[in-house]
Amino acid sequence: MDGIDQRAPSGTDVVDYDRRHLALYAALIDADDAGAPWAEAALLMRLDAADDDAEACWRSHLERARWIVGEGLAIAVVAFGREGSIS
């Protein structure tokens, strides 16, 4: 999964993983909003849709992406505004 964790971070802390994957998060949201099937969107993550855990991996990242731009936006803006201080 080339730099992609099996599960996206959870909880209300924004971490460096989130910063490193912001472009991916945006692409996953765009694909989902466009109605792309999960297996097609998972290609953005270089996932093999035939892998048993691929859909769960994709879903956790999409959920994290939606949290970052929704409920977590204020937290993310503050965290991303601090250089080098995200855990």
PDB file of N, CA and C in Angstrom:
ATOM      1  N   MET A   1       0.800  -1.192   0.000  1.00  0.00           N
ATOM      2  CA  MET A   1       0.000   0.000   0.000  1.00  0.00           C
ATOM      3  C   MET A   1       0.850   1.267   0.000  1.00  0.00           C
ATOM      4  N   ASP A   2       2.044   1.198  -0.346  1.00  0.00           N
ATOM      5  CA  ASP A   2       2.931   2.332  -0.629  1.00  0.00           C
ATOM      6  C   ASP A   2       2.652   3.605   0.179  1.00  0.00           C
ATOM      7  N   GLY A   3       2.981   3.573   1.461  1.00  0.00           N
ATOM      8  CA  GLY A   3       2.833   4.761   2.286  1.00  0.00           C
ATOM      9  C   GLY A   3       1.436   4.979   2.843  1.00  0.00           C
ATOM     10  N   ILE A   4       0.528   4.087   2.547  1.00  0.00           N
ATOM     11  CA  ILE A   4      -0.841   4.186   3.033  1.00  0.00           C
ATOM     12  C   ILE A   4      -1.016   3.170   4.157  1.00  0.00           C
ATOM     13  N   ASP A   5      -1.400   3.650   5.325  1.00  0.00           N
ATOM     14  CA  ASP A   5      -1.679   2.737   6.431  1.00  0.00           C
ATOM     15  C   ASP A   5      -2.970   1.978   6.163  1.00  0.00           C
ATOM     16  N   GLN A   6      -3.072   0.795   6.742  1.00  0.00           N
ATOM     17  CA  GLN A   6      -4.276  -0.027   6.568  1.00  0.00           C
ATOM     18  C   GLN A   6      -5.523   0.715   7.038  1.00  0.00           C
ATOM     19  N   ARG A   7      -5.387   1.505   8.073  1.00  0.00           N
ATOM     20  CA  ARG A   7      -6.488   2.322   8.574  1.00  0.00           C
ATOM     21  C   ARG A   7      -5.999   3.759   8.731  1.00  0.00           C
ATOM     22  N   ALA A   8      -6.838   4.689   8.355  1.00  0.00           N
ATOM     23  CA  ALA A   8      -6.520   6.109   8.552  1.00  0.00           C
ATOM     24  C   ALA A   8      -6.559   6.410  10.051  1.00  0.00           C
ATOM     25  N   PRO A   9      -5.909   7.485  10.464  1.00  0.00           N
ATOM     26  CA  PRO A   9      -5.977   7.862  11.881  1.00  0.00           C
ATOM     27  C   PRO A   9      -7.430   8.074  12.302  1.00  0.00           C
ATOM     28  N   SER A  10      -7.657   7.928  13.592  1.00  0.00           N
ATOM     29  CA  SER A  10      -8.994   8.191  14.120  1.00  0.00           C
ATOM     30  C   SER A  10      -8.840   9.117  15.318  1.00  0.00           C
ATOM     31  N   GLY A  11      -9.937   9.555  15.819  1.00  0.00           N
ATOM     32  CA  GLY A  11      -9.891  10.459  16.954  1.00  0.00           C
ATOM     33  C   GLY A  11      -9.899  11.909  16.504  1.00  0.00           C
ATOM     34  N   THR A  12      -9.764  12.803  17.470  1.00  0.00           N
ATOM     35  CA  THR A  12      -9.893  14.225  17.179  1.00  0.00           C
ATOM     36  C   THR A  12      -8.570  14.961  17.104  1.00  0.00           C
ATOM     37  N   ASP A  13      -7.474  14.244  17.114  1.00  0.00           N
ATOM     38  CA  ASP A  13      -6.169  14.873  16.922  1.00  0.00           C
ATOM     39  C   ASP A  13      -5.783  14.783  15.458  1.00  0.00           C
ATOM     40  N   VAL A  14      -5.304  15.877  14.904  1.00  0.00           N
ATOM     41  CA  VAL A  14      -4.781  15.878  13.539  1.00  0.00           C
ATOM     42  C   VAL A  14      -3.309  15.523  13.646  1.00  0.00           C
ATOM     43  N   VAL A  15      -2.883  14.552  12.869  1.00  0.00           N
ATOM     44  CA  VAL A  15      -1.512  14.052  12.945  1.00  0.00           C
ATOM     45  C   VAL A  15      -0.789  14.277  11.618  1.00  0.00           C
ATOM     46  N   ASP A  16       0.514  14.074  11.637  1.00  0.00           N
ATOM     47  CA  ASP A  16       1.321  14.283  10.438  1.00  0.00           C
ATOM     48  C   ASP A  16       0.824  13.434   9.263  1.00  0.00           C
ATOM     49  N   TYR A  17       0.333  12.241   9.538  1.00  0.00           N
ATOM     50  CA  TYR A  17      -0.222  11.382   8.486  1.00  0.00           C
ATOM     51  C   TYR A  17      -1.308  12.134   7.716  1.00  0.00           C
ATOM     52  N   ASP A  18      -2.139  12.868   8.440  1.00  0.00           N
ATOM     53  CA  ASP A  18      -3.198  13.648   7.788  1.00  0.00           C
ATOM     54  C   ASP A  18      -2.599  14.700   6.858  1.00  0.00           C
ATOM     55  N   ARG A  19      -1.598  15.407   7.339  1.00  0.00           N
ATOM     56  CA  ARG A  19      -0.959  16.438   6.510  1.00  0.00           C
ATOM     57  C   ARG A  19      -0.367  15.811   5.242  1.00  0.00           C
ATOM     58  N   ARG A  20       0.308  14.696   5.398  1.00  0.00           N
ATOM     59  CA  ARG A  20       0.954  14.038   4.251  1.00  0.00           C
ATOM     60  C   ARG A  20      -0.061  13.508   3.244  1.00  0.00           C
ATOM     61  N   HIS A  21      -1.278  13.267   3.692  1.00  0.00           N
ATOM     62  CA  HIS A  21      -2.275  12.656   2.803  1.00  0.00           C
ATOM     63  C   HIS A  21      -3.434  13.585   2.454  1.00  0.00           C
ATOM     64  N   LEU A  22      -3.262  14.877   2.628  1.00  0.00           N
ATOM     65  CA  LEU A  22      -4.339  15.824   2.296  1.00  0.00           C
ATOM     66  C   LEU A  22      -4.766  15.733   0.833  1.00  0.00           C
ATOM     67  N   ALA A  23      -3.811  15.622  -0.073  1.00  0.00           N
ATOM     68  CA  ALA A  23      -4.164  15.524  -1.493  1.00  0.00           C
ATOM     69  C   ALA A  23      -4.962  14.249  -1.766  1.00  0.00           C
ATOM     70  N   LEU A  24      -4.572  13.166  -1.126  1.00  0.00           N
ATOM     71  CA  LEU A  24      -5.324  11.918  -1.266  1.00  0.00           C
ATOM     72  C   LEU A  24      -6.729  12.085  -0.704  1.00  0.00           C
ATOM     73  N   TYR A  25      -6.841  12.685   0.469  1.00  0.00           N
ATOM     74  CA  TYR A  25      -8.152  12.903   1.063  1.00  0.00           C
ATOM     75  C   TYR A  25      -9.050  13.693   0.097  1.00  0.00           C
ATOM     76  N   ALA A  26      -8.509  14.740  -0.494  1.00  0.00           N
ATOM     77  CA  ALA A  26      -9.290  15.557  -1.435  1.00  0.00           C
ATOM     78  C   ALA A  26      -9.722  14.730  -2.645  1.00  0.00           C
ATOM     79  N   ALA A  27      -8.811  13.921  -3.165  1.00  0.00           N
ATOM     80  CA  ALA A  27      -9.133  13.094  -4.330  1.00  0.00           C
ATOM     81  C   ALA A  27     -10.198  12.053  -3.988  1.00  0.00           C
ATOM     82  N   LEU A  28     -10.127  11.478  -2.798  1.00  0.00           N
ATOM     83  CA  LEU A  28     -11.131  10.492  -2.388  1.00  0.00           C
ATOM     84  C   LEU A  28     -12.512  11.127  -2.257  1.00  0.00           C
ATOM     85  N   ILE A  29     -12.558  12.319  -1.686  1.00  0.00           N
ATOM     86  CA  ILE A  29     -13.840  13.030  -1.578  1.00  0.00           C
ATOM     87  C   ILE A  29     -14.384  13.362  -2.958  1.00  0.00           C
ATOM     88  N   ASP A  30     -13.531  13.862  -3.844  1.00  0.00           N
ATOM     89  CA  ASP A  30     -13.964  14.186  -5.211  1.00  0.00           C
ATOM     90  C   ASP A  30     -14.518  12.948  -5.919  1.00  0.00           C
ATOM     91  N   ALA A  31     -13.807  11.832  -5.805  1.00  0.00           N
ATOM     92  CA  ALA A  31     -14.247  10.601  -6.467  1.00  0.00           C
ATOM     93  C   ALA A  31     -15.585  10.127  -5.896  1.00  0.00           C
ATOM     94  N   ASP A  32     -15.706  10.175  -4.576  1.00  0.00           N
ATOM     95  CA  ASP A  32     -16.946   9.739  -3.939  1.00  0.00           C
ATOM     96  C   ASP A  32     -18.108  10.654  -4.325  1.00  0.00           C
ATOM     97  N   ASP A  33     -17.868  11.948  -4.320  1.00  0.00           N
ATOM     98  CA  ASP A  33     -18.914  12.909  -4.699  1.00  0.00           C
ATOM     99  C   ASP A  33     -19.322  12.752  -6.166  1.00  0.00           C
ATOM    100  N   ALA A  34     -18.392  12.278  -6.989  1.00  0.00           N
ATOM    101  CA  ALA A  34     -18.695  12.056  -8.406  1.00  0.00           C
ATOM    102  C   ALA A  34     -19.393  10.711  -8.638  1.00  0.00           C
ATOM    103  N   GLY A  35     -19.540   9.935  -7.553  1.00  0.00           N
ATOM    104  CA  GLY A  35     -20.236   8.654  -7.672  1.00  0.00           C
ATOM    105  C   GLY A  35     -19.358   7.502  -8.106  1.00  0.00           C
ATOM    106  N   ALA A  36     -18.047   7.665  -8.029  1.00  0.00           N
ATOM    107  CA  ALA A  36     -17.136   6.591  -8.433  1.00  0.00           C
ATOM    108  C   ALA A  36     -17.300   5.399  -7.488  1.00  0.00           C
ATOM    109  N   PRO A  37     -17.303   4.197  -8.032  1.00  0.00           N
ATOM    110  CA  PRO A  37     -17.352   3.012  -7.166  1.00  0.00           C
ATOM    111  C   PRO A  37     -16.106   2.972  -6.276  1.00  0.00           C
ATOM    112  N   TRP A  38     -16.241   2.384  -5.098  1.00  0.00           N
ATOM    113  CA  TRP A  38     -15.126   2.372  -4.159  1.00  0.00           C
ATOM    114  C   TRP A  38     -13.881   1.750  -4.788  1.00  0.00           C
ATOM    115  N   ALA A  39     -14.057   0.691  -5.572  1.00  0.00           N
ATOM    116  CA  ALA A  39     -12.898  -0.007  -6.151  1.00  0.00           C
ATOM    117  C   ALA A  39     -12.142   0.895  -7.121  1.00  0.00           C
ATOM    118  N   GLU A  40     -12.860   1.756  -7.813  1.00  0.00           N
ATOM    119  CA  GLU A  40     -12.207   2.711  -8.717  1.00  0.00           C
ATOM    120  C   GLU A  40     -11.460   3.779  -7.912  1.00  0.00           C
ATOM    121  N   ALA A  41     -12.113   4.296  -6.897  1.00  0.00           N
ATOM    122  CA  ALA A  41     -11.480   5.314  -6.054  1.00  0.00           C
ATOM    123  C   ALA A  41     -10.278   4.738  -5.313  1.00  0.00           C
ATOM    124  N   ALA A  42     -10.336   3.467  -4.971  1.00  0.00           N
ATOM    125  CA  ALA A  42      -9.235   2.828  -4.246  1.00  0.00           C
ATOM    126  C   ALA A  42      -7.954   2.784  -5.086  1.00  0.00           C
ATOM    127  N   LEU A  43      -8.088   2.906  -6.389  1.00  0.00           N
ATOM    128  CA  LEU A  43      -6.899   2.949  -7.248  1.00  0.00           C
ATOM    129  C   LEU A  43      -6.052   4.176  -6.935  1.00  0.00           C
ATOM    130  N   LEU A  44      -6.677   5.235  -6.443  1.00  0.00           N
ATOM    131  CA  LEU A  44      -5.938   6.432  -6.038  1.00  0.00           C
ATOM    132  C   LEU A  44      -4.966   6.108  -4.912  1.00  0.00           C
ATOM    133  N   MET A  45      -5.282   5.060  -4.167  1.00  0.00           N
ATOM    134  CA  MET A  45      -4.459   4.642  -3.036  1.00  0.00           C
ATOM    135  C   MET A  45      -3.545   3.481  -3.411  1.00  0.00           C
ATOM    136  N   ARG A  46      -3.610   3.084  -4.674  1.00  0.00           N
ATOM    137  CA  ARG A  46      -2.860   1.933  -5.178  1.00  0.00           C
ATOM    138  C   ARG A  46      -3.257   0.642  -4.460  1.00  0.00           C
ATOM    139  N   LEU A  47      -4.538   0.541  -4.150  1.00  0.00           N
ATOM    140  CA  LEU A  47      -5.059  -0.659  -3.509  1.00  0.00           C
ATOM    141  C   LEU A  47      -5.519  -1.653  -4.557  1.00  0.00           C
ATOM    142  N   ASP A  48      -5.394  -2.918  -4.254  1.00  0.00           N
ATOM    143  CA  ASP A  48      -5.930  -3.982  -5.084  1.00  0.00           C
ATOM    144  C   ASP A  48      -7.323  -4.294  -4.550  1.00  0.00           C
ATOM    145  N   ALA A  49      -8.343  -4.007  -5.332  1.00  0.00           N
ATOM    146  CA  ALA A  49      -9.724  -4.194  -4.886  1.00  0.00           C
ATOM    147  C   ALA A  49     -10.019  -5.647  -4.527  1.00  0.00           C
ATOM    148  N   ALA A  50      -9.223  -6.572  -5.027  1.00  0.00           N
ATOM    149  CA  ALA A  50      -9.430  -7.984  -4.710  1.00  0.00           C
ATOM    150  C   ALA A  50      -8.928  -8.329  -3.306  1.00  0.00           C
ATOM    151  N   ASP A  51      -8.126  -7.468  -2.722  1.00  0.00           N
ATOM    152  CA  ASP A  51      -7.617  -7.701  -1.361  1.00  0.00           C
ATOM    153  C   ASP A  51      -8.769  -7.595  -0.373  1.00  0.00           C
ATOM    154  N   ASP A  52      -8.831  -8.513   0.565  1.00  0.00           N
ATOM    155  CA  ASP A  52      -9.932  -8.559   1.536  1.00  0.00           C
ATOM    156  C   ASP A  52     -10.087  -7.274   2.336  1.00  0.00           C
ATOM    157  N   ASP A  53      -8.998  -6.591   2.627  1.00  0.00           N
ATOM    158  CA  ASP A  53      -9.047  -5.395   3.462  1.00  0.00           C
ATOM    159  C   ASP A  53      -9.101  -4.089   2.678  1.00  0.00           C
ATOM    160  N   ALA A  54      -9.110  -4.156   1.362  1.00  0.00           N
ATOM    161  CA  ALA A  54      -9.027  -2.950   0.539  1.00  0.00           C
ATOM    162  C   ALA A  54     -10.202  -2.001   0.771  1.00  0.00           C
ATOM    163  N   GLU A  55     -11.409  -2.530   0.809  1.00  0.00           N
ATOM    164  CA  GLU A  55     -12.567  -1.652   0.979  1.00  0.00           C
ATOM    165  C   GLU A  55     -12.553  -0.978   2.351  1.00  0.00           C
ATOM    166  N   ALA A  56     -12.175  -1.713   3.385  1.00  0.00           N
ATOM    167  CA  ALA A  56     -12.110  -1.132   4.727  1.00  0.00           C
ATOM    168  C   ALA A  56     -11.031  -0.049   4.785  1.00  0.00           C
ATOM    169  N   CYS A  57      -9.923  -0.267   4.118  1.00  0.00           N
ATOM    170  CA  CYS A  57      -8.852   0.736   4.069  1.00  0.00           C
ATOM    171  C   CYS A  57      -9.355   1.993   3.366  1.00  0.00           C
ATOM    172  N   TRP A  58      -9.960   1.812   2.196  1.00  0.00           N
ATOM    173  CA  TRP A  58     -10.514   2.949   1.451  1.00  0.00           C
ATOM    174  C   TRP A  58     -11.539   3.698   2.298  1.00  0.00           C
ATOM    175  N   ARG A  59     -12.454   2.949   2.913  1.00  0.00           N
ATOM    176  CA  ARG A  59     -13.533   3.567   3.694  1.00  0.00           C
ATOM    177  C   ARG A  59     -12.972   4.367   4.869  1.00  0.00           C
ATOM    178  N   SER A  60     -11.962   3.838   5.563  1.00  0.00           N
ATOM    179  CA  SER A  60     -11.417   4.566   6.714  1.00  0.00           C
ATOM    180  C   SER A  60     -10.768   5.871   6.276  1.00  0.00           C
ATOM    181  N   HIS A  61     -10.130   5.869   5.111  1.00  0.00           N
ATOM    182  CA  HIS A  61      -9.507   7.092   4.614  1.00  0.00           C
ATOM    183  C   HIS A  61     -10.555   8.103   4.127  1.00  0.00           C
ATOM    184  N   LEU A  62     -11.602   7.615   3.497  1.00  0.00           N
ATOM    185  CA  LEU A  62     -12.677   8.516   3.078  1.00  0.00           C
ATOM    186  C   LEU A  62     -13.366   9.126   4.301  1.00  0.00           C
ATOM    187  N   GLU A  63     -13.616   8.316   5.312  1.00  0.00           N
ATOM    188  CA  GLU A  63     -14.235   8.842   6.535  1.00  0.00           C
ATOM    189  C   GLU A  63     -13.335   9.879   7.199  1.00  0.00           C
ATOM    190  N   ARG A  64     -12.032   9.623   7.218  1.00  0.00           N
ATOM    191  CA  ARG A  64     -11.103  10.593   7.804  1.00  0.00           C
ATOM    192  C   ARG A  64     -11.101  11.878   6.989  1.00  0.00           C
ATOM    193  N   ALA A  65     -11.110  11.737   5.674  1.00  0.00           N
ATOM    194  CA  ALA A  65     -11.134  12.911   4.803  1.00  0.00           C
ATOM    195  C   ALA A  65     -12.377  13.756   5.070  1.00  0.00           C
ATOM    196  N   ARG A  66     -13.509  13.103   5.197  1.00  0.00           N
ATOM    197  CA  ARG A  66     -14.757  13.831   5.464  1.00  0.00           C
ATOM    198  C   ARG A  66     -14.722  14.478   6.851  1.00  0.00           C
ATOM    199  N   TRP A  67     -14.090  13.830   7.821  1.00  0.00           N
ATOM    200  CA  TRP A  67     -13.970  14.425   9.154  1.00  0.00           C
ATOM    201  C   TRP A  67     -13.087  15.671   9.084  1.00  0.00           C
ATOM    202  N   ILE A  68     -11.967  15.575   8.366  1.00  0.00           N
ATOM    203  CA  ILE A  68     -11.028  16.704   8.264  1.00  0.00           C
ATOM    204  C   ILE A  68     -11.729  17.932   7.685  1.00  0.00           C
ATOM    205  N   VAL A  69     -12.544  17.759   6.659  1.00  0.00           N
ATOM    206  CA  VAL A  69     -13.189  18.924   6.028  1.00  0.00           C
ATOM    207  C   VAL A  69     -14.524  19.280   6.674  1.00  0.00           C
ATOM    208  N   GLY A  70     -14.945  18.497   7.629  1.00  0.00           N
ATOM    209  CA  GLY A  70     -16.200  18.768   8.329  1.00  0.00           C
ATOM    210  C   GLY A  70     -15.937  19.138   9.766  1.00  0.00           C
ATOM    211  N   GLU A  71     -16.255  18.204  10.650  1.00  0.00           N
ATOM    212  CA  GLU A  71     -16.112  18.406  12.087  1.00  0.00           C
ATOM    213  C   GLU A  71     -14.700  18.814  12.514  1.00  0.00           C
ATOM    214  N   GLY A  72     -13.709  18.270  11.860  1.00  0.00           N
ATOM    215  CA  GLY A  72     -12.327  18.517  12.270  1.00  0.00           C
ATOM    216  C   GLY A  72     -11.664  19.703  11.611  1.00  0.00           C
ATOM    217  N   LEU A  73     -12.407  20.468  10.823  1.00  0.00           N
ATOM    218  CA  LEU A  73     -11.788  21.546  10.057  1.00  0.00           C
ATOM    219  C   LEU A  73     -11.082  22.574  10.935  1.00  0.00           C
ATOM    220  N   ALA A  74     -11.718  23.028  11.978  1.00  0.00           N
ATOM    221  CA  ALA A  74     -11.085  24.029  12.845  1.00  0.00           C
ATOM    222  C   ALA A  74      -9.807  23.474  13.472  1.00  0.00           C
ATOM    223  N   ILE A  75      -9.855  22.230  13.898  1.00  0.00           N
ATOM    224  CA  ILE A  75      -8.679  21.587  14.490  1.00  0.00           C
ATOM    225  C   ILE A  75      -7.577  21.472  13.445  1.00  0.00           C
ATOM    226  N   ALA A  76      -7.951  21.075  12.223  1.00  0.00           N
ATOM    227  CA  ALA A  76      -6.966  20.904  11.157  1.00  0.00           C
ATOM    228  C   ALA A  76      -6.321  22.229  10.777  1.00  0.00           C
ATOM    229  N   VAL A  77      -7.107  23.277  10.672  1.00  0.00           N
ATOM    230  CA  VAL A  77      -6.563  24.585  10.300  1.00  0.00           C
ATOM    231  C   VAL A  77      -5.525  25.034  11.318  1.00  0.00           C
ATOM    232  N   VAL A  78      -5.826  24.875  12.583  1.00  0.00           N
ATOM    233  CA  VAL A  78      -4.873  25.249  13.630  1.00  0.00           C
ATOM    234  C   VAL A  78      -3.632  24.362  13.542  1.00  0.00           C
ATOM    235  N   ALA A  79      -3.839  23.055  13.429  1.00  0.00           N
ATOM    236  CA  ALA A  79      -2.710  22.123  13.388  1.00  0.00           C
ATOM    237  C   ALA A  79      -1.844  22.334  12.154  1.00  0.00           C
ATOM    238  N   PHE A  80      -2.449  22.536  11.007  1.00  0.00           N
ATOM    239  CA  PHE A  80      -1.680  22.702   9.779  1.00  0.00           C
ATOM    240  C   PHE A  80      -0.995  24.055   9.734  1.00  0.00           C
ATOM    241  N   GLY A  81      -1.470  24.989  10.527  1.00  0.00           N
ATOM    242  CA  GLY A  81      -0.846  26.305  10.589  1.00  0.00           C
ATOM    243  C   GLY A  81       0.413  26.328  11.412  1.00  0.00           C
ATOM    244  N   ARG A  82       0.629  25.280  12.212  1.00  0.00           N
ATOM    245  CA  ARG A  82       1.837  25.193  13.040  1.00  0.00           C
ATOM    246  C   ARG A  82       2.864  24.353  12.318  1.00  0.00           C
ATOM    247  N   GLU A  83       3.967  24.940  11.926  1.00  0.00           N
ATOM    248  CA  GLU A  83       5.022  24.219  11.210  1.00  0.00           C
ATOM    249  C   GLU A  83       5.691  23.204  12.120  1.00  0.00           C
ATOM    250  N   GLY A  84       5.758  21.981  11.632  1.00  0.00           N
ATOM    251  CA  GLY A  84       6.506  20.948  12.312  1.00  0.00           C
ATOM    252  C   GLY A  84       6.004  20.545  13.676  1.00  0.00           C
ATOM    253  N   SER A  85       4.800  20.929  14.044  1.00  0.00           N
ATOM    254  CA  SER A  85       4.354  20.624  15.404  1.00  0.00           C
ATOM    255  C   SER A  85       3.233  19.588  15.463  1.00  0.00           C
ATOM    256  N   ILE A  86       2.919  18.967  14.330  1.00  0.00           N
ATOM    257  CA  ILE A  86       1.888  17.942  14.335  1.00  0.00           C
ATOM    258  C   ILE A  86       2.538  16.628  14.752  1.00  0.00           C
ATOM    259  N   SER A  87       1.882  15.911  15.653  1.00  0.00           N
ATOM    260  CA  SER A  87       2.448  14.654  16.133  1.00  0.00           C
ATOM    261  C   SER A  87       2.331  13.554  15.106  1.00  0.00           C
TER     262      SER A  87
END
